[in-house]
Protein backbone atom coordinates (compact mmCIF):
# COMPACT_ATOMS: atom_id res chain seq x y z
CA MET A 1 96.59 188.35 195.41
CA ARG A 2 99.02 185.80 194.63
CA VAL A 3 97.77 183.47 197.24
CA TRP A 4 94.03 183.84 195.53
CA LEU A 5 95.49 183.13 192.27
CA LEU A 6 97.00 180.20 193.27
CA ILE A 7 93.93 178.82 195.03
CA ALA A 8 91.84 179.74 192.22
CA LEU A 9 94.07 177.83 189.99
CA GLY A 10 94.23 174.95 192.15
CA ILE A 11 90.44 174.58 192.07
CA LEU A 12 90.57 175.03 188.18
CA CYS A 13 92.59 171.93 188.15
CA VAL A 14 90.19 169.49 190.39
CA PRO A 15 89.30 166.96 188.13
CA LEU A 16 86.00 166.73 187.59
CA VAL A 17 84.08 163.18 188.56
CA ALA A 18 80.87 162.05 186.98
CA ALA A 19 78.78 161.36 190.15
CA GLU A 20 76.51 157.50 189.54
CA PRO A 21 72.81 157.85 190.11
CA ASP A 22 71.93 156.41 193.72
CA TRP A 23 70.08 153.74 192.00
CA PHE A 24 73.01 152.73 189.87
CA ARG A 25 74.91 151.91 193.53
CA ASN A 26 71.89 150.86 195.21
CA PRO A 27 69.76 149.07 192.66
CA THR A 28 68.02 147.38 195.86
CA GLN A 29 66.57 150.36 196.89
CA THR A 30 64.60 150.92 193.85
CA GLU A 31 60.59 150.44 193.40
CA TYR A 32 60.87 146.99 192.30
CA PRO A 33 61.86 144.85 195.09
CA VAL A 34 63.69 142.06 195.11
CA GLU A 35 61.32 139.43 196.15
CA THR A 36 59.84 139.67 192.65
CA HIS A 37 62.42 140.85 190.38
CA TRP A 38 65.70 140.19 188.96
CA PHE A 39 68.00 143.12 188.36
CA GLY A 40 71.31 144.28 186.85
CA VAL A 41 73.37 147.30 186.15
CA GLY A 42 75.80 148.40 183.66
CA ASN A 43 78.01 151.49 182.73
CA ALA A 44 79.78 151.87 179.50
CA ALA A 45 80.74 155.06 176.84
CA GLN A 46 78.06 153.02 174.75
CA LEU A 47 74.56 152.30 175.19
CA LYS A 48 74.48 149.30 173.90
CA ARG A 49 77.32 147.84 175.72
CA ALA A 50 76.03 149.37 178.48
CA ILE A 51 73.05 147.26 178.31
CA ASP A 52 74.60 144.32 177.32
CA GLU A 53 76.86 144.80 180.78
CA ALA A 54 73.44 145.19 183.10
CA LYS A 55 72.10 141.80 180.92
CA ALA A 56 75.20 140.04 181.94
CA THR A 57 74.42 141.24 185.84
CA LEU A 58 71.00 140.51 185.82
CA ALA A 59 71.75 136.73 184.18
CA GLY A 60 74.53 136.54 187.09
CA GLN A 61 71.64 137.61 189.58
CA ILE A 62 69.52 134.30 188.21
CA GLU A 63 72.43 132.24 188.20
CA THR A 64 73.28 133.57 192.03
CA THR A 65 69.51 132.51 192.95
CA ILE A 66 70.18 128.60 191.60
CA SER A 67 73.75 128.15 192.77
CA GLN A 68 72.22 129.04 196.30
CA LYS A 69 69.20 126.65 196.19
CA THR A 70 71.89 124.39 194.66
CA THR A 71 74.29 124.23 196.96
CA MET A 72 71.77 124.43 199.72
CA THR A 73 69.44 121.24 198.70
CA ASP A 74 73.36 119.82 197.78
CA ASN A 75 73.67 119.93 201.56
CA GLU A 76 70.59 118.41 202.44
CA THR A 77 70.55 115.68 200.14
CA HIS A 78 72.15 113.67 197.23
CA VAL A 79 69.61 114.12 194.26
CA GLY A 80 70.64 113.12 190.96
CA SER A 81 69.56 116.05 189.11
CA VAL A 82 70.99 118.47 191.36
CA SER A 83 75.01 116.65 191.17
CA GLN A 84 74.04 116.48 187.69
CA TYR A 85 73.87 120.40 187.41
CA ARG A 86 76.79 121.16 189.35
CA ARG A 87 78.76 118.83 187.07
CA SER A 88 77.81 119.24 183.68
CA ARG A 89 74.99 121.03 183.22
CA GLN A 90 75.93 124.34 184.76
CA SER A 91 77.36 125.81 181.25
CA GLU A 92 74.73 124.87 179.46
CA ILE A 93 71.93 126.56 182.22
CA ARG A 94 74.03 129.45 182.24
CA SER A 95 74.15 129.92 178.49
CA THR A 96 70.34 129.14 178.17
CA ILE A 97 69.74 132.16 180.91
CA ARG A 98 71.43 134.33 178.15
CA GLN A 99 69.04 133.15 175.47
CA THR A 100 65.82 133.92 177.61
CA LEU A 101 66.16 137.21 178.33
CA ALA A 102 63.45 138.77 176.13
CA ASN A 103 61.67 140.09 178.56
CA ALA A 104 64.07 142.02 180.32
CA GLN A 105 63.37 146.23 181.08
CA ILE A 106 65.30 148.99 180.80
CA VAL A 107 64.04 150.93 183.38
CA LYS A 108 66.30 153.34 183.66
CA GLN A 109 68.96 155.21 181.66
CA VAL A 110 71.08 158.27 182.36
CA LYS A 111 74.00 159.72 180.07
CA ASP A 112 76.47 162.11 181.59
CA ARG A 113 80.21 162.71 181.15
CA GLY A 114 80.81 158.88 183.12
CA GLY A 115 78.94 157.57 179.56
CA TYR A 116 75.55 155.79 179.98
CA TYR A 117 74.51 153.80 183.41
CA VAL A 118 71.62 151.45 182.83
CA LEU A 119 69.03 149.51 185.27
CA VAL A 120 67.55 146.34 183.84
CA VAL A 121 64.96 144.49 185.82
CA LEU A 122 63.03 141.45 184.93
CA ASP A 123 59.78 140.42 186.68
CA LYS A 124 60.26 136.56 188.27
CA ALA A 125 56.78 135.83 187.54
CA GLN A 126 56.78 136.89 184.05
CA TYR A 127 60.12 135.15 183.10
CA ARG A 128 59.19 131.87 183.99
CA SER A 129 55.66 132.25 182.66
CA GLY A 130 57.79 133.05 179.70
CA LEU A 131 59.99 129.27 180.25
CA TYR A 132 56.73 127.59 180.74
CA SER A 133 55.55 128.54 177.45
CA GLN A 134 58.75 127.50 175.93
CA LEU A 135 58.87 124.32 177.41
CA GLN A 136 55.20 123.57 176.57
CA GLN A 137 56.11 124.07 172.57
CA LEU A 138 59.18 122.31 172.72
CA ASN A 139 57.43 119.21 174.63
CA ARG A 140 54.76 119.74 171.46
CA ASP A 141 57.48 119.80 169.01
CA LEU A 142 59.14 116.74 170.45
CA ASN A 143 56.03 114.64 170.46
CA THR A 144 55.18 115.58 166.82
CA GLU A 145 58.88 114.80 165.67
CA LEU A 146 58.45 111.35 167.37
CA LEU A 147 55.49 110.27 165.76
CA TYR A 148 56.93 111.86 162.21
CA GLN A 149 59.62 109.26 162.83
CA GLY A 150 57.19 106.68 163.59
CA LEU A 151 55.83 106.92 160.48
CA LEU A 152 58.69 106.78 158.95
CA GLU A 153 59.36 103.58 160.20
CA SER A 154 55.82 102.13 159.24
CA ALA A 155 56.51 103.69 155.41
CA GLN A 156 59.76 101.71 155.92
CA ARG A 157 62.11 104.77 155.34
CA TYR A 158 64.68 103.78 157.34
CA ASP A 159 66.82 106.04 156.40
CA LYS A 160 64.62 109.05 156.98
CA ALA A 161 64.00 107.47 160.10
CA LEU A 162 67.31 107.12 161.38
CA ASP A 163 67.97 111.09 160.09
CA LYS A 164 65.08 112.07 162.55
CA PHE A 165 66.97 111.35 165.83
CA ASP A 166 69.46 113.85 164.83
CA ALA A 167 66.70 116.79 165.42
CA LEU A 168 65.02 114.73 167.92
CA LEU A 169 68.03 114.75 170.02
CA ALA A 170 68.63 118.39 169.72
CA LYS A 171 65.34 119.25 170.96
CA ALA A 172 65.51 116.95 173.73
CA LYS A 173 68.76 118.15 175.03
CA ASP A 174 67.51 121.71 174.86
CA TYR A 175 64.06 120.40 176.94
CA ASP A 176 66.01 119.23 179.45
CA THR A 177 68.16 121.94 180.07
CA LEU A 178 65.03 124.16 179.79
CA VAL A 179 63.16 122.00 182.20
CA SER A 180 66.41 122.34 184.84
CA LEU A 181 66.49 126.05 184.80
CA TYR A 182 62.58 126.50 184.36
CA ASN A 183 62.30 124.06 188.11
CA TYR A 184 65.67 125.97 189.63
CA VAL A 185 63.87 129.19 189.46
CA SER A 186 60.20 128.25 189.58
CA PRO A 187 58.26 126.68 193.05
CA GLU A 188 56.58 124.10 191.28
CA PRO A 189 58.07 121.27 188.82
CA PHE A 190 56.77 121.68 185.55
CA LEU A 191 54.58 119.07 184.89
CA PRO A 192 55.30 118.21 180.58
CA GLN A 193 51.52 117.06 178.76
CA HIS A 194 53.81 114.39 176.60
CA SER A 195 56.07 111.64 179.15
CA GLY A 196 59.01 109.98 177.85
CA LEU A 197 60.48 112.92 175.73
CA THR A 198 63.82 113.49 177.68
CA LEU A 199 67.10 113.43 175.93
CA THR A 200 67.81 109.78 178.06
CA ASP A 201 64.40 108.88 176.56
CA ILE A 202 65.41 110.14 173.22
CA GLN A 203 68.28 108.26 173.56
CA GLY A 204 67.28 104.73 174.09
CA LYS A 205 64.56 105.09 171.67
CA LYS A 206 67.73 105.75 168.94
CA THR A 207 69.66 102.93 170.54
CA ALA A 208 66.67 100.68 170.37
CA TYR A 209 66.17 101.55 166.83
CA VAL A 210 69.60 101.13 165.55
CA SER A 211 69.82 97.70 167.29
CA GLU A 212 67.25 96.15 164.96
CA PHE A 213 69.58 96.16 161.77
CA SER A 214 70.61 92.93 160.50
CA LEU A 215 73.07 92.90 157.89
CA GLU A 216 73.31 88.79 156.47
CA LEU A 217 74.94 86.64 154.29
CA ASP A 218 73.24 84.90 151.46
CA ARG A 219 75.38 83.54 149.08
CA PRO A 220 77.79 82.18 149.14
CA ALA A 221 80.48 81.81 152.07
CA ASP A 222 83.10 81.26 149.98
CA VAL A 223 84.03 82.84 146.80
CA SER A 224 86.61 81.29 144.32
CA THR A 225 88.11 83.14 141.41
CA ALA A 226 91.22 83.41 138.91
CA LEU A 227 93.56 85.79 139.20
CA GLY A 228 92.27 89.38 137.66
CA LYS A 229 88.87 87.90 136.96
CA GLN A 230 85.32 88.34 138.83
CA SER A 231 83.89 85.89 141.01
CA ASP A 232 82.23 82.66 139.53
CA SER A 233 79.07 84.21 141.00
CA PRO A 234 78.23 86.95 142.87
CA VAL A 235 77.78 87.50 146.35
CA ARG A 236 74.41 88.35 148.02
CA LEU A 237 74.04 90.08 151.38
CA ARG A 238 71.22 91.16 152.57
CA MET A 239 70.00 93.96 155.02
CA ARG A 240 67.35 93.95 157.23
CA TRP A 241 65.23 96.25 159.95
CA LYS A 242 63.48 93.74 162.71
CA ASP A 243 61.94 91.59 159.55
CA ASN A 244 61.40 94.13 157.19
CA PRO A 245 63.24 94.54 154.01
CA VAL A 246 65.92 98.26 153.91
CA THR A 247 66.25 99.76 150.96
CA ASN A 248 68.17 102.18 149.90
CA PHE A 249 70.83 101.97 151.92
CA VAL A 250 74.30 101.94 150.95
CA ILE A 251 76.82 99.14 151.65
CA ARG A 252 80.46 99.68 151.15
CA VAL A 253 82.82 96.37 149.72
CA ALA A 254 86.14 96.87 150.40
CA TYR A 255 89.59 94.54 150.31
CA SER A 256 91.40 93.71 153.33
CA ASP A 257 94.28 96.06 152.47
CA THR A 258 91.16 98.69 152.23
CA THR A 259 90.81 98.94 148.65
CA VAL A 260 87.09 99.79 147.59
CA LEU A 261 85.70 97.36 145.35
CA GLY A 262 82.57 99.54 144.99
CA ASP A 263 79.49 100.92 146.85
CA TYR A 264 76.08 99.07 146.25
CA THR A 265 72.70 100.11 147.11
CA THR A 266 70.07 97.79 148.51
CA ASP A 267 67.04 96.70 146.35
CA ALA A 268 63.50 96.73 147.22
CA SER A 269 63.92 93.72 148.99
CA GLY A 270 67.22 94.60 150.76
CA TYR A 271 69.63 92.82 148.65
CA VAL A 272 72.60 93.60 146.93
CA GLU A 273 75.12 91.82 144.94
CA PHE A 274 78.63 91.94 144.05
CA GLN A 275 81.47 89.96 142.11
CA PRO A 276 84.97 90.66 143.83
CA TYR A 277 87.92 90.09 141.27
CA GLY A 278 90.96 88.07 141.77
CA LEU A 279 93.48 89.58 144.23
CA PRO A 280 96.90 87.53 144.90
CA LEU A 281 97.31 88.98 148.56
CA SER A 282 98.68 87.23 151.22
CA ALA A 283 97.01 84.05 152.42
CA SER A 284 96.16 85.26 156.05
CA ASP A 285 94.42 88.72 154.18
CA GLN A 286 92.27 86.65 151.52
CA TYR A 287 88.87 88.11 152.23
CA VAL A 288 86.46 91.44 151.26
CA THR A 289 84.77 92.98 153.81
CA ALA A 290 80.99 94.89 153.23
CA GLY A 291 79.22 97.26 155.57
CA VAL A 292 76.64 99.57 155.85
CA HIS A 293 78.11 102.86 154.30
CA LEU A 294 76.17 105.42 155.99
CA GLN A 295 76.43 109.23 154.29
CA GLY A 296 75.16 112.62 155.19
CA ARG A 297 73.62 113.70 159.10
CA ALA A 298 73.52 109.99 159.22
CA GLN A 299 77.23 109.59 159.54
CA GLN A 300 77.31 110.08 162.75
CA TRP A 301 75.37 106.64 163.44
CA GLN A 302 77.91 104.55 161.75
CA ALA A 303 79.51 102.83 164.53
CA ASP A 304 75.57 102.17 166.08
CA MET A 305 75.46 100.00 162.14
CA PRO A 306 76.12 96.27 162.34
CA ALA A 307 79.72 95.09 161.76
CA PRO A 308 80.85 94.75 158.34
CA LEU A 309 80.77 91.15 157.38
CA GLN A 310 84.13 89.20 156.54
CA ILE A 311 83.87 87.24 153.15
CA PRO A 312 86.85 84.62 152.53
CA TYR A 313 87.92 84.15 148.88
CA THR A 314 90.83 82.30 147.23
CA VAL A 315 92.31 82.82 144.14
CA ARG A 316 93.23 80.01 141.48
CA ASP A 317 94.94 79.60 138.27
CA LEU A 318 97.54 81.87 139.29
CA ARG A 319 99.82 82.62 135.70
CA TYR A 320 102.92 85.07 136.13
CA THR A 321 103.48 85.79 132.71
CA PRO A 322 107.17 87.83 132.78
CA ILE A 323 106.52 91.06 131.84
CA THR A 324 108.91 94.02 130.99
CA LEU A 325 108.00 97.49 132.10
CA VAL A 326 109.78 100.20 130.11
CA VAL A 327 109.24 104.42 130.38
CA GLU A 328 109.59 106.45 128.00
CA SER A 329 111.26 109.42 128.09
CA ASP A 330 114.62 111.60 127.64
CA ASP A 331 114.52 112.57 131.29
CA SER A 332 115.68 109.93 132.96
CA ALA A 333 114.02 111.78 136.46
CA TRP A 334 110.76 110.00 134.94
CA ASP A 335 112.24 106.23 134.97
CA LYS A 336 113.82 106.60 138.32
CA TYR A 337 110.66 107.51 139.87
CA LEU A 338 108.27 105.73 138.47
CA ASP A 339 110.06 102.38 138.22
CA ARG A 340 109.09 101.31 141.73
CA PRO A 341 106.10 102.32 142.17
CA LEU A 342 105.03 100.68 138.93
CA ARG A 343 107.17 97.40 139.93
CA SER A 344 104.87 97.30 143.08
CA ALA A 345 101.72 97.18 141.67
CA PHE A 346 102.27 94.98 138.58
CA SER A 347 103.77 92.40 141.42
CA ALA A 348 100.64 92.75 143.38
CA LEU A 349 98.70 91.66 140.33
CA GLY A 350 100.90 88.25 140.32
CA TYR A 351 103.44 89.52 137.40
CA SER A 352 106.77 88.53 137.51
CA VAL A 353 108.62 91.76 136.08
CA GLU A 354 111.81 91.34 134.30
CA ASN A 355 114.34 93.55 133.03
CA SER A 356 113.51 91.30 129.63
CA GLY A 357 110.17 89.86 130.07
CA SER A 358 108.50 88.68 126.40
CA SER A 359 105.43 90.97 126.77
CA PRO A 360 106.93 95.02 127.64
CA PHE A 361 104.54 97.14 128.96
CA ALA A 362 105.49 101.03 127.86
CA PHE A 363 104.88 104.16 129.94
CA ARG A 364 105.04 106.86 127.54
CA ILE A 365 105.50 110.13 128.90
CA ASP A 366 103.42 113.33 127.27
CA VAL A 367 103.83 116.73 129.03
CA GLU A 368 101.47 118.82 127.46
CA ASP A 369 101.96 122.16 130.28
CA GLU A 370 104.48 122.79 132.17
CA LYS A 371 105.74 126.25 133.92
CA THR A 372 106.76 128.14 136.45
CA MET A 373 103.83 129.81 138.55
CA GLY A 374 104.16 133.95 138.96
CA SER A 375 103.52 133.27 142.88
CA TYR A 376 105.16 133.57 146.20
CA GLN A 377 104.10 130.11 147.66
CA LYS A 378 106.76 127.56 148.00
CA ASN A 379 104.75 125.09 145.34
CA ASN A 380 105.01 126.77 142.38
CA TYR A 381 106.09 124.74 139.74
CA TYR A 382 103.21 123.44 137.41
CA MET A 383 103.61 120.29 135.31
CA ALA A 384 100.38 118.59 133.71
CA GLY A 385 99.93 115.79 130.52
CA SER A 386 99.50 112.10 130.51
CA LEU A 387 100.84 108.35 130.61
CA LEU A 388 100.01 106.72 127.74
CA LEU A 389 100.43 102.95 128.44
CA THR A 390 100.57 100.36 125.63
CA ALA A 391 101.19 96.26 126.32
CA ASN A 392 102.73 94.07 123.49
CA HIS A 393 102.89 90.06 123.14
CA ASN A 394 105.30 89.13 120.93
CA GLY A 395 105.09 92.22 118.90
CA GLN A 396 101.13 92.59 118.41
CA ALA A 397 99.15 95.07 120.88
CA SER A 398 97.61 92.74 123.73
CA MET A 399 95.42 95.61 124.84
CA ALA A 400 94.24 99.01 123.63
CA PRO A 401 96.40 102.43 124.62
CA VAL A 402 95.16 103.98 127.79
CA ALA A 403 96.36 107.44 128.74
CA ILE A 404 96.69 108.01 132.36
CA PRO A 405 96.34 112.24 132.81
CA PHE A 406 98.48 113.62 135.70
CA LYS A 407 99.27 116.75 136.93
CA ALA A 408 101.29 118.13 140.14
CA LEU A 409 102.39 121.52 141.60
CA ALA A 410 105.75 121.46 143.67
CA LYS A 411 108.87 122.81 144.20
CA ASN A 412 110.58 122.28 141.46
CA ARG A 413 110.33 120.34 138.14
CA LYS A 414 112.37 117.31 140.08
CA LYS A 415 109.55 117.32 142.79
CA ALA A 416 106.67 117.66 140.31
CA ILE A 417 107.88 114.35 139.27
CA GLN A 418 108.37 112.83 142.12
CA LYS A 419 104.87 113.95 142.98
CA ILE A 420 103.38 112.48 139.92
CA ALA A 421 105.12 109.16 139.98
CA ASP A 422 103.62 108.51 143.84
CA ASP A 423 100.12 109.80 142.70
CA VAL A 424 99.50 108.42 139.47
CA VAL A 425 99.82 105.03 140.05
CA PHE A 426 96.66 104.01 140.16
CA SER A 427 94.81 101.23 142.82
CA LYS A 428 94.84 97.68 142.47
CA ILE A 429 91.39 97.72 141.46
CA ARG A 430 91.36 100.64 138.94
CA LEU A 431 94.72 98.62 137.35
CA LEU A 432 93.17 95.11 137.23
CA GLU A 433 89.55 96.22 135.89
CA LEU A 434 91.87 97.96 133.16
CA LEU A 435 93.95 95.11 132.45
CA ALA A 436 91.04 92.67 132.58
CA SER A 437 89.00 94.53 130.47
CA THR A 438 91.32 94.82 127.76
CA GLY A 439 92.81 90.97 127.59
CA GLY A 440 96.28 92.51 129.46
CA ILE A 441 96.19 89.19 131.56
CA GLU A 442 97.44 86.25 129.79
């Protein structure tokens, strides 16, 4: 009796193993022959994951077919498209395969203790037909986009025509990948209705298009100006595409130290004009640059635009007025951290900064808000206010007072003042405009 009990207990302890369906173990033995179908099986606790696994296996079947065909062809010849597939297009085609399985059908599905078992099949002829339809549509879309790009050129909408290449190149890349995939799985190659629309073709059209842009100096070749004043006559540039004026393109003008003078938009005749200020740069850096400044999606073609023009200029009538810089604050930290950047800025303008100059420039500190923020972050000391700049000559105001706002978030008060000192000393062009317009330069 004891023996039978042990045997019974042993039987009860044997784990119950779920039996896989026959079609799951041998999918090639189903009613879907491998000559006309690709198939995939999947098993998971959730149905969706089982289906995803089955489709991944199915995609692998297509990849295996392509890989075998490629290997065989590669052994026979060294055709460029085959080498291209093996080197760089493999991942693109693999991704495209996974995006083109909409016609895959779930033909068998079972749920038991082992989860869900799924069999997915894809009719090869139906798959090729779907790819063919997609290629026809892409081919038509590319032709339409290219026609529209040509219309934009004819209408002299050169900025929009340049933007259009963004969409053209993206579609041409998809088209090339889909053509490669179709030609690998189809006995007959795809014959497009509109030829000359491959990625290489579109890239060639884009290169030819941007090469027709030109930026030319109209006048003058050399610029002469007084310190802190605008040039006597404007510099004039013209932008063209072939022989046509290019309108609404932005030309950015900057000094040799990268300080931006301004952005100027070409007019209906393709011209821009600007008048640089006289900056006392070193003798080897006496020039401004003017170049096309693309915006939005067109920025990706910036390197293809005409090289910036370099326009030399000379500064005459340099008069170095001795001045004194005074920081009006009870806190010595302001004087300590503002002194060096202020001296550097005014020295760059041509001023001689002395401790007893006849024309003092005073910077009064007005702190409007100062507090420790309720935060656990590293920088939580906040300070905001303004610097009030005034200037006197022989006891009389030589310029209108100017308020320069500031704010900073730092680790402590000392760090905040240091940050303000580094950030608030505005660019030389801003300072020149300020002093020249208010009579601060003698």
